[in-house]
Amino acid sequence: MAKIDLIDNSWVDLVFEGKNQSYGAYQLRKNTGVRNLKALLVMFAAFIIIAAIVYAKVSIENYIAAQNAAIEADVELASLAEKKEAKVEKKDEPEVEKVEIERVKSSVAFTVPEIKKDNEVKEEQEMKSQEELQQTNTAIGAFNVEGNDEAGGEVLKAKEVIAEPEPPKVEETKVFDVVEEMPQFPGGPSALFEYLSKNIKYPVVAEENGVQGRVIVTFVVERDGSITDVKVVKSVDPSLDKEAQRVVKSMPHWIPGKQNGSAVRVKYTVPVTFRLQ
């Protein structure tokens, strides 16, 4: 069997010998070798590119795996080192507080003269005579004390403790009308009226009948800032009154009022305006 040469085109001249070679069939077959060579080159280049991509992918995956293994090894070594340090670390010994012993000189209590019946006077409360006081070398003080340092000690004195007045207690259930720090809506009065205007839903019945006006509502700001006891003190229309109460009850917690530094219950009044455009 003869070998097939994909590049050699001498057979084309033999086939078309004595024939018209101006038509496309001859030219088409004449360039077959060039086309075959180009196809082989393209296939070879594609194979090389695919092989390079596969090789690069495998190399990158191996590199990432090696890096991860190294990081895990470092973490493991670090955790082992921390455990060893924790075992070696000694517990801090509690510091022993040094207590200073007060140096006191011996003294005899001086009894203040006071008229009492004989049977009410105790022996240690009997008043010493001038002769007894002159004969003793012990100092005169507020108490009968057996001292521990006669040379450098001091006579023990009575310490007078002045009781501080207790701050006035505020009744938890009492509702104040005016306090030192009045309750406040978060953001101030402008934020309050903005909240009311955005959240009011004009009742359909009142809108159709052209009813408008200002409803005055009172409520209590509790010590935690919540709103309770919502009441209408100036009515315009039942539907408007009901909507005003709903909006006031749905308000967020206020900053509570304070009296003597303590949060207290405070009564507050707010006008809710309904105006048709």
C-alpha atoms as a PDB file:
ATOM      1  CA  MET A   1       0.000   0.000   0.000  1.00  0.00           C
ATOM      2  CA  ALA A   2       1.469   3.366  -0.971  1.00  0.00           C
ATOM      3  CA  LYS A   3       2.050   6.005   1.684  1.00  0.00           C
ATOM      4  CA  ILE A   4      -0.378   8.959   1.695  1.00  0.00           C
ATOM      5  CA  ASP A   5       1.331  12.334   1.525  1.00  0.00           C
ATOM      6  CA  LEU A   6      -1.016  15.091   2.656  1.00  0.00           C
ATOM      7  CA  ILE A   7       1.280  17.871   1.468  1.00  0.00           C
ATOM      8  CA  ASP A   8       2.481  16.688  -1.957  1.00  0.00           C
ATOM      9  CA  ASN A   9       0.064  17.810  -4.705  1.00  0.00           C
ATOM     10  CA  SER A  10       1.811  16.323  -7.802  1.00  0.00           C
ATOM     11  CA  TRP A  11      -1.127  14.001  -8.312  1.00  0.00           C
ATOM     12  CA  VAL A  12      -3.329  16.973  -9.117  1.00  0.00           C
ATOM     13  CA  ASP A  13      -1.293  17.757 -12.252  1.00  0.00           C
ATOM     14  CA  LEU A  14      -1.589  14.148 -13.357  1.00  0.00           C
ATOM     15  CA  VAL A  15      -5.358  14.110 -12.877  1.00  0.00           C
ATOM     16  CA  PHE A  16      -5.915  17.411 -14.679  1.00  0.00           C
ATOM     17  CA  GLU A  17      -3.364  16.826 -17.458  1.00  0.00           C
ATOM     18  CA  GLY A  18      -4.846  17.878 -20.780  1.00  0.00           C
ATOM     19  CA  LYS A  19      -7.904  19.355 -19.041  1.00  0.00           C
ATOM     20  CA  ASN A  20      -9.021  22.896 -18.479  1.00  0.00           C
ATOM     21  CA  GLN A  21      -7.231  24.044 -15.277  1.00  0.00           C
ATOM     22  CA  SER A  22      -8.846  27.483 -15.133  1.00  0.00           C
ATOM     23  CA  TYR A  23     -11.852  26.283 -13.112  1.00  0.00           C
ATOM     24  CA  GLY A  24     -12.041  26.113  -9.344  1.00  0.00           C
ATOM     25  CA  ALA A  25     -11.690  22.369  -9.012  1.00  0.00           C
ATOM     26  CA  TYR A  26      -8.031  22.398 -10.033  1.00  0.00           C
ATOM     27  CA  GLN A  27      -7.177  25.387  -7.826  1.00  0.00           C
ATOM     28  CA  LEU A  28      -9.077  23.902  -4.921  1.00  0.00           C
ATOM     29  CA  ARG A  29      -7.189  20.596  -5.105  1.00  0.00           C
ATOM     30  CA  LYS A  30      -3.896  22.332  -5.784  1.00  0.00           C
ATOM     31  CA  ASN A  31      -4.071  24.124  -2.380  1.00  0.00           C
ATOM     32  CA  THR A  32      -5.088  20.995  -0.459  1.00  0.00           C
ATOM     33  CA  GLY A  33      -1.565  20.452   0.897  1.00  0.00           C
ATOM     34  CA  VAL A  34      -1.322  23.985   2.287  1.00  0.00           C
ATOM     35  CA  ARG A  35      -4.672  23.632   3.988  1.00  0.00           C
ATOM     36  CA  ASN A  36      -3.716  20.285   5.475  1.00  0.00           C
ATOM     37  CA  LEU A  37      -0.472  21.742   6.810  1.00  0.00           C
ATOM     38  CA  LYS A  38      -2.313  24.679   8.388  1.00  0.00           C
ATOM     39  CA  ALA A  39      -4.847  22.328   9.972  1.00  0.00           C
ATOM     40  CA  LEU A  40      -2.053  20.192  11.477  1.00  0.00           C
ATOM     41  CA  LEU A  41      -0.304  23.293  12.837  1.00  0.00           C
ATOM     42  CA  VAL A  42      -3.545  24.597  14.385  1.00  0.00           C
ATOM     43  CA  MET A  43      -4.272  21.234  16.011  1.00  0.00           C
ATOM     44  CA  PHE A  44      -0.727  21.009  17.360  1.00  0.00           C
ATOM     45  CA  ALA A  45      -0.910  24.570  18.779  1.00  0.00           C
ATOM     46  CA  ALA A  46      -4.306  23.847  20.403  1.00  0.00           C
ATOM     47  CA  PHE A  47      -2.910  20.680  21.977  1.00  0.00           C
ATOM     48  CA  ILE A  48       0.061  22.613  23.404  1.00  0.00           C
ATOM     49  CA  ILE A  49      -2.215  25.357  24.828  1.00  0.00           C
ATOM     50  CA  ILE A  50      -4.563  22.826  26.460  1.00  0.00           C
ATOM     51  CA  ALA A  51      -1.604  20.926  27.929  1.00  0.00           C
ATOM     52  CA  ALA A  52      -0.138  24.196  29.284  1.00  0.00           C
ATOM     53  CA  ILE A  53      -3.477  25.182  30.884  1.00  0.00           C
ATOM     54  CA  VAL A  54      -3.851  21.763  32.535  1.00  0.00           C
ATOM     55  CA  TYR A  55      -0.259  21.876  33.788  1.00  0.00           C
ATOM     56  CA  ALA A  56      -0.704  25.419  35.173  1.00  0.00           C
ATOM     57  CA  LYS A  57      -3.957  24.464  36.911  1.00  0.00           C
ATOM     58  CA  VAL A  58      -2.380  21.416  38.556  1.00  0.00           C
ATOM     59  CA  SER A  59       0.654  23.469  39.636  1.00  0.00           C
ATOM     60  CA  ILE A  60      -1.532  26.210  41.170  1.00  0.00           C
ATOM     61  CA  GLU A  61      -3.670  23.662  43.034  1.00  0.00           C
ATOM     62  CA  ASN A  62      -0.550  21.950  44.393  1.00  0.00           C
ATOM     63  CA  TYR A  63       0.891  25.320  45.449  1.00  0.00           C
ATOM     64  CA  ILE A  64      -2.325  26.348  47.255  1.00  0.00           C
ATOM     65  CA  ALA A  65      -2.531  22.957  48.986  1.00  0.00           C
ATOM     66  CA  ALA A  66       1.089  23.300  50.134  1.00  0.00           C
ATOM     67  CA  GLN A  67       0.414  26.831  51.463  1.00  0.00           C
ATOM     68  CA  ASN A  68      -2.692  25.670  53.361  1.00  0.00           C
ATOM     69  CA  ALA A  69      -0.770  22.753  54.838  1.00  0.00           C
ATOM     70  CA  ALA A  70       1.979  25.157  55.969  1.00  0.00           C
ATOM     71  CA  ILE A  71      -0.571  27.536  57.563  1.00  0.00           C
ATOM     72  CA  GLU A  72      -2.284  24.661  59.379  1.00  0.00           C
ATOM     73  CA  ALA A  73       1.083  23.472  60.662  1.00  0.00           C
ATOM     74  CA  ASP A  74       1.918  26.994  61.914  1.00  0.00           C
ATOM     75  CA  VAL A  75      -1.458  27.272  63.672  1.00  0.00           C
ATOM     76  CA  GLU A  76      -0.994  23.848  65.256  1.00  0.00           C
ATOM     77  CA  LEU A  77       2.478  24.761  66.495  1.00  0.00           C
ATOM     78  CA  ALA A  78       1.209  28.102  67.832  1.00  0.00           C
ATOM     79  CA  SER A  79      -1.664  26.426  69.713  1.00  0.00           C
ATOM     80  CA  LEU A  80       0.736  23.866  71.208  1.00  0.00           C
ATOM     81  CA  ALA A  81       3.055  26.676  72.307  1.00  0.00           C
ATOM     82  CA  GLU A  82       0.138  28.548  73.928  1.00  0.00           C
ATOM     83  CA  LYS A  83      -0.925  25.405  75.790  1.00  0.00           C
ATOM     84  CA  LYS A  84       2.611  24.926  77.098  1.00  0.00           C
ATOM     85  CA  GLU A  85       2.787  28.568  78.207  1.00  0.00           C
ATOM     86  CA  ALA A  86      -0.580  28.246  79.943  1.00  0.00           C
ATOM     87  CA  LYS A  87       0.648  25.179  81.828  1.00  0.00           C
ATOM     88  CA  VAL A  88       3.947  26.824  82.811  1.00  0.00           C
ATOM     89  CA  GLU A  89       2.297  30.121  83.820  1.00  0.00           C
ATOM     90  CA  LYS A  90       2.077  30.426  87.564  1.00  0.00           C
ATOM     91  CA  LYS A  91      -0.950  31.659  89.368  1.00  0.00           C
ATOM     92  CA  ASP A  92      -0.611  35.107  90.873  1.00  0.00           C
ATOM     93  CA  GLU A  93      -0.332  34.857  94.591  1.00  0.00           C
ATOM     94  CA  PRO A  94      -2.861  37.035  96.391  1.00  0.00           C
ATOM     95  CA  GLU A  95      -1.343  40.078  98.006  1.00  0.00           C
ATOM     96  CA  VAL A  96      -1.519  40.129 101.754  1.00  0.00           C
ATOM     97  CA  GLU A  97      -2.884  43.390 103.002  1.00  0.00           C
ATOM     98  CA  LYS A  98      -0.725  45.059 105.591  1.00  0.00           C
ATOM     99  CA  VAL A  99      -2.699  46.121 108.585  1.00  0.00           C
ATOM    100  CA  GLU A 100      -1.348  49.039 110.545  1.00  0.00           C
ATOM    101  CA  ILE A 101      -1.763  48.675 114.276  1.00  0.00           C
ATOM    102  CA  GLU A 102      -2.795  51.922 115.878  1.00  0.00           C
ATOM    103  CA  ARG A 103      -0.415  53.028 118.612  1.00  0.00           C
ATOM    104  CA  VAL A 104      -2.457  53.967 121.658  1.00  0.00           C
ATOM    105  CA  LYS A 105      -1.430  55.320 125.026  1.00  0.00           C
ATOM    106  CA  SER A 106      -3.105  54.084 128.221  1.00  0.00           C
ATOM    107  CA  SER A 107      -5.771  56.469 129.483  1.00  0.00           C
ATOM    108  CA  VAL A 108      -8.376  56.868 132.209  1.00  0.00           C
ATOM    109  CA  ALA A 109     -11.873  57.957 131.192  1.00  0.00           C
ATOM    110  CA  PHE A 110     -12.903  61.437 132.297  1.00  0.00           C
ATOM    111  CA  THR A 111     -16.422  61.305 133.691  1.00  0.00           C
ATOM    112  CA  VAL A 112     -18.604  64.297 132.976  1.00  0.00           C
ATOM    113  CA  PRO A 113     -20.367  65.466 136.157  1.00  0.00           C
ATOM    114  CA  GLU A 114     -23.997  64.378 136.110  1.00  0.00           C
ATOM    115  CA  ILE A 115     -26.563  64.242 138.911  1.00  0.00           C
ATOM    116  CA  LYS A 116     -27.950  60.714 139.354  1.00  0.00           C
ATOM    117  CA  LYS A 117     -29.222  58.491 142.127  1.00  0.00           C
ATOM    118  CA  ASP A 118     -26.608  56.338 143.842  1.00  0.00           C
ATOM    119  CA  ASN A 119     -28.179  53.074 142.689  1.00  0.00           C
ATOM    120  CA  GLU A 120     -28.050  54.264 139.015  1.00  0.00           C
ATOM    121  CA  VAL A 121     -24.304  55.010 139.044  1.00  0.00           C
ATOM    122  CA  LYS A 122     -22.046  52.180 137.887  1.00  0.00           C
ATOM    123  CA  GLU A 123     -18.603  51.689 139.398  1.00  0.00           C
ATOM    124  CA  GLU A 124     -16.708  52.517 136.208  1.00  0.00           C
ATOM    125  CA  GLN A 125     -18.797  55.701 135.799  1.00  0.00           C
ATOM    126  CA  GLU A 126     -17.900  57.105 139.226  1.00  0.00           C
ATOM    127  CA  MET A 127     -16.141  60.445 139.004  1.00  0.00           C
ATOM    128  CA  LYS A 128     -12.492  60.422 140.010  1.00  0.00           C
ATOM    129  CA  SER A 129     -11.377  62.817 142.730  1.00  0.00           C
ATOM    130  CA  GLN A 130      -8.665  65.410 142.111  1.00  0.00           C
ATOM    131  CA  GLU A 131      -6.259  63.500 144.374  1.00  0.00           C
ATOM    132  CA  GLU A 132      -6.759  60.280 142.395  1.00  0.00           C
ATOM    133  CA  LEU A 133      -6.161  62.136 139.135  1.00  0.00           C
ATOM    134  CA  GLN A 134      -2.958  63.768 140.459  1.00  0.00           C
ATOM    135  CA  GLN A 135      -1.529  60.506 141.799  1.00  0.00           C
ATOM    136  CA  THR A 136      -1.941  58.544 138.555  1.00  0.00           C
ATOM    137  CA  ASN A 137       0.544  58.839 135.662  1.00  0.00           C
ATOM    138  CA  THR A 138      -2.029  57.635 133.157  1.00  0.00           C
ATOM    139  CA  ALA A 139      -3.396  60.175 130.692  1.00  0.00           C
ATOM    140  CA  ILE A 140      -6.981  61.412 130.911  1.00  0.00           C
ATOM    141  CA  GLY A 141      -9.112  60.517 127.925  1.00  0.00           C
ATOM    142  CA  ALA A 142     -12.592  59.629 126.756  1.00  0.00           C
ATOM    143  CA  PHE A 143     -12.245  55.899 127.560  1.00  0.00           C
ATOM    144  CA  ASN A 144     -10.508  53.522 129.907  1.00  0.00           C
ATOM    145  CA  VAL A 145      -7.815  52.171 127.580  1.00  0.00           C
ATOM    146  CA  GLU A 146      -4.933  49.761 128.133  1.00  0.00           C
ATOM    147  CA  GLY A 147      -2.358  51.128 125.695  1.00  0.00           C
ATOM    148  CA  ASN A 148       0.309  49.434 123.590  1.00  0.00           C
ATOM    149  CA  ASP A 149       2.785  52.339 123.243  1.00  0.00           C
ATOM    150  CA  GLU A 150       3.156  54.632 126.238  1.00  0.00           C
ATOM    151  CA  ALA A 151       6.002  56.674 124.694  1.00  0.00           C
ATOM    152  CA  GLY A 152       4.902  57.277 121.089  1.00  0.00           C
ATOM    153  CA  GLY A 153       1.205  56.465 121.318  1.00  0.00           C
ATOM    154  CA  GLU A 154      -1.723  58.897 121.351  1.00  0.00           C
ATOM    155  CA  VAL A 155      -4.693  59.168 123.652  1.00  0.00           C
ATOM    156  CA  LEU A 156      -7.707  57.485 122.079  1.00  0.00           C
ATOM    157  CA  LYS A 157     -10.359  60.061 121.207  1.00  0.00           C
ATOM    158  CA  ALA A 158     -14.044  59.666 120.578  1.00  0.00           C
ATOM    159  CA  LYS A 159     -14.873  60.028 116.889  1.00  0.00           C
ATOM    160  CA  GLU A 160     -18.056  61.890 116.164  1.00  0.00           C
ATOM    161  CA  VAL A 161     -19.881  60.651 113.085  1.00  0.00           C
ATOM    162  CA  ILE A 162     -22.109  63.229 111.429  1.00  0.00           C
ATOM    163  CA  ALA A 163     -25.005  61.553 109.669  1.00  0.00           C
ATOM    164  CA  GLU A 164     -25.701  62.928 106.204  1.00  0.00           C
ATOM    165  CA  PRO A 165     -29.318  63.835 105.559  1.00  0.00           C
ATOM    166  CA  GLU A 166     -31.111  61.338 103.330  1.00  0.00           C
ATOM    167  CA  PRO A 167     -32.265  62.695  99.967  1.00  0.00           C
ATOM    168  CA  PRO A 168     -36.007  63.263  99.869  1.00  0.00           C
ATOM    169  CA  LYS A 169     -37.835  60.196  98.619  1.00  0.00           C
ATOM    170  CA  VAL A 170     -40.110  60.627  95.634  1.00  0.00           C
ATOM    171  CA  GLU A 171     -43.389  58.753  95.601  1.00  0.00           C
ATOM    172  CA  GLU A 172     -43.421  56.283  92.711  1.00  0.00           C
ATOM    173  CA  THR A 173     -47.169  56.559  92.097  1.00  0.00           C
ATOM    174  CA  LYS A 174     -47.426  60.349  92.277  1.00  0.00           C
ATOM    175  CA  VAL A 175     -48.036  62.172  88.976  1.00  0.00           C
ATOM    176  CA  PHE A 176     -46.352  65.578  88.706  1.00  0.00           C
ATOM    177  CA  ASP A 177     -47.557  68.490  86.602  1.00  0.00           C
ATOM    178  CA  VAL A 178     -44.220  70.370  86.686  1.00  0.00           C
ATOM    179  CA  VAL A 179     -40.774  68.953  87.545  1.00  0.00           C
ATOM    180  CA  GLU A 180     -37.170  70.134  87.432  1.00  0.00           C
ATOM    181  CA  GLU A 181     -36.524  68.291  84.152  1.00  0.00           C
ATOM    182  CA  MET A 182     -39.676  67.964  82.050  1.00  0.00           C
ATOM    183  CA  PRO A 183     -40.119  64.857  79.860  1.00  0.00           C
ATOM    184  CA  GLN A 184     -39.127  65.234  76.232  1.00  0.00           C
ATOM    185  CA  PHE A 185     -39.922  63.518  72.929  1.00  0.00           C
ATOM    186  CA  PRO A 186     -36.763  62.062  71.321  1.00  0.00           C
ATOM    187  CA  GLY A 187     -35.451  64.870  69.137  1.00  0.00           C
ATOM    188  CA  GLY A 188     -37.417  67.667  70.796  1.00  0.00           C
ATOM    189  CA  PRO A 189     -40.715  69.449  70.051  1.00  0.00           C
ATOM    190  CA  SER A 190     -40.040  69.765  66.302  1.00  0.00           C
ATOM    191  CA  ALA A 191     -39.554  65.997  66.045  1.00  0.00           C
ATOM    192  CA  LEU A 192     -42.798  65.489  68.009  1.00  0.00           C
ATOM    193  CA  PHE A 193     -44.931  67.590  65.659  1.00  0.00           C
ATOM    194  CA  GLU A 194     -43.238  66.018  62.633  1.00  0.00           C
ATOM    195  CA  TYR A 195     -44.121  62.574  64.007  1.00  0.00           C
ATOM    196  CA  LEU A 196     -47.751  63.581  64.564  1.00  0.00           C
ATOM    197  CA  SER A 197     -48.137  65.087  61.083  1.00  0.00           C
ATOM    198  CA  LYS A 198     -46.667  61.991  59.375  1.00  0.00           C
ATOM    199  CA  ASN A 199     -48.664  59.432  61.354  1.00  0.00           C
ATOM    200  CA  ILE A 200     -52.122  61.070  61.451  1.00  0.00           C
ATOM    201  CA  LYS A 201     -54.645  59.363  59.173  1.00  0.00           C
ATOM    202  CA  TYR A 202     -57.489  61.771  58.507  1.00  0.00           C
ATOM    203  CA  PRO A 203     -60.787  59.976  59.191  1.00  0.00           C
ATOM    204  CA  VAL A 204     -62.803  59.537  55.980  1.00  0.00           C
ATOM    205  CA  VAL A 205     -66.098  60.620  57.609  1.00  0.00           C
ATOM    206  CA  ALA A 206     -64.587  63.842  58.973  1.00  0.00           C
ATOM    207  CA  GLU A 207     -62.897  64.553  55.636  1.00  0.00           C
ATOM    208  CA  GLU A 208     -66.137  64.084  53.683  1.00  0.00           C
ATOM    209  CA  ASN A 209     -68.022  66.333  56.117  1.00  0.00           C
ATOM    210  CA  GLY A 210     -65.254  68.984  56.090  1.00  0.00           C
ATOM    211  CA  VAL A 211     -64.612  68.629  59.855  1.00  0.00           C
ATOM    212  CA  GLN A 212     -61.281  70.018  61.089  1.00  0.00           C
ATOM    213  CA  GLY A 213     -59.854  71.509  64.265  1.00  0.00           C
ATOM    214  CA  ARG A 214     -57.434  70.973  67.157  1.00  0.00           C
ATOM    215  CA  VAL A 215     -57.845  68.117  69.647  1.00  0.00           C
ATOM    216  CA  ILE A 216     -56.110  68.634  73.014  1.00  0.00           C
ATOM    217  CA  VAL A 217     -54.780  65.365  74.475  1.00  0.00           C
ATOM    218  CA  THR A 218     -53.213  64.738  77.900  1.00  0.00           C
ATOM    219  CA  PHE A 219     -51.176  61.690  78.894  1.00  0.00           C
ATOM    220  CA  VAL A 220     -48.703  60.524  81.525  1.00  0.00           C
ATOM    221  CA  VAL A 221     -45.020  59.918  80.728  1.00  0.00           C
ATOM    222  CA  GLU A 222     -44.031  57.056  83.009  1.00  0.00           C
ATOM    223  CA  ARG A 223     -40.666  56.676  84.717  1.00  0.00           C
ATOM    224  CA  ASP A 224     -39.488  54.373  81.911  1.00  0.00           C
ATOM    225  CA  GLY A 225     -40.664  56.825  79.194  1.00  0.00           C
ATOM    226  CA  SER A 226     -43.767  54.868  78.161  1.00  0.00           C
ATOM    227  CA  ILE A 227     -47.099  56.630  77.502  1.00  0.00           C
ATOM    228  CA  THR A 228     -50.170  55.853  79.635  1.00  0.00           C
ATOM    229  CA  ASP A 229     -53.534  57.355  80.656  1.00  0.00           C
ATOM    230  CA  VAL A 230     -54.244  59.069  77.278  1.00  0.00           C
ATOM    231  CA  LYS A 231     -57.278  61.357  77.524  1.00  0.00           C
ATOM    232  CA  VAL A 232     -58.973  63.966  75.320  1.00  0.00           C
ATOM    233  CA  VAL A 233     -59.539  67.197  77.272  1.00  0.00           C
ATOM    234  CA  LYS A 234     -60.763  69.279  74.316  1.00  0.00           C
ATOM    235  CA  SER A 235     -62.893  67.456  71.736  1.00  0.00           C
ATOM    236  CA  VAL A 236     -63.651  68.430  68.135  1.00  0.00           C
ATOM    237  CA  ASP A 237     -65.338  65.353  66.637  1.00  0.00           C
ATOM    238  CA  PRO A 238     -65.535  61.711  67.841  1.00  0.00           C
ATOM    239  CA  SER A 239     -63.638  60.451  64.792  1.00  0.00           C
ATOM    240  CA  LEU A 240     -60.901  63.082  65.200  1.00  0.00           C
ATOM    241  CA  ASP A 241     -60.713  62.445  68.955  1.00  0.00           C
ATOM    242  CA  LYS A 242     -60.266  58.714  68.391  1.00  0.00           C
ATOM    243  CA  GLU A 243     -57.521  59.262  65.794  1.00  0.00           C
ATOM    244  CA  ALA A 244     -55.675  61.721  68.082  1.00  0.00           C
ATOM    245  CA  GLN A 245     -55.711  59.176  70.928  1.00  0.00           C
ATOM    246  CA  ARG A 246     -54.444  56.451  68.582  1.00  0.00           C
ATOM    247  CA  VAL A 247     -51.502  58.547  67.359  1.00  0.00           C
ATOM    248  CA  VAL A 248     -50.497  59.593  70.891  1.00  0.00           C
ATOM    249  CA  LYS A 249     -50.655  56.004  72.179  1.00  0.00           C
ATOM    250  CA  SER A 250     -48.441  54.827  69.298  1.00  0.00           C
ATOM    251  CA  MET A 251     -45.656  57.328  70.114  1.00  0.00           C
ATOM    252  CA  PRO A 252     -42.215  55.866  70.951  1.00  0.00           C
ATOM    253  CA  HIS A 253     -40.840  56.044  74.499  1.00  0.00           C
ATOM    254  CA  TRP A 254     -40.073  59.568  75.724  1.00  0.00           C
ATOM    255  CA  ILE A 255     -37.120  60.767  77.787  1.00  0.00           C
ATOM    256  CA  PRO A 256     -38.703  60.673  81.282  1.00  0.00           C
ATOM    257  CA  GLY A 257     -38.947  63.696  83.546  1.00  0.00           C
ATOM    258  CA  LYS A 258     -36.779  63.993  86.666  1.00  0.00           C
ATOM    259  CA  GLN A 259     -37.260  65.442  90.136  1.00  0.00           C
ATOM    260  CA  ASN A 260     -34.314  65.549  92.589  1.00  0.00           C
ATOM    261  CA  GLY A 261     -32.320  63.443  90.118  1.00  0.00           C
ATOM    262  CA  SER A 262     -34.884  60.615  90.040  1.00  0.00           C
ATOM    263  CA  ALA A 263     -37.230  59.690  87.170  1.00  0.00           C
ATOM    264  CA  VAL A 264     -40.873  60.464  88.001  1.00  0.00           C
ATOM    265  CA  ARG A 265     -44.319  60.247  86.393  1.00  0.00           C
ATOM    266  CA  VAL A 266     -45.254  63.511  84.663  1.00  0.00           C
ATOM    267  CA  LYS A 267     -48.510  64.671  83.076  1.00  0.00           C
ATOM    268  CA  TYR A 268     -48.078  66.191  79.613  1.00  0.00           C
ATOM    269  CA  THR A 269     -50.427  67.963  77.173  1.00  0.00           C
ATOM    270  CA  VAL A 270     -50.153  67.905  73.375  1.00  0.00           C
ATOM    271  CA  PRO A 271     -52.381  69.578  70.733  1.00  0.00           C
ATOM    272  CA  VAL A 272     -53.156  67.394  67.696  1.00  0.00           C
ATOM    273  CA  THR A 273     -54.219  69.545  64.734  1.00  0.00           C
ATOM    274  CA  PHE A 274     -56.464  68.271  61.909  1.00  0.00           C
ATOM    275  CA  ARG A 275     -56.526  70.588  58.919  1.00  0.00           C
ATOM    276  CA  LEU A 276     -58.007  69.898  55.478  1.00  0.00           C
ATOM    277  CA  GLN A 277     -55.954  71.003  52.507  1.00  0.00           C
END
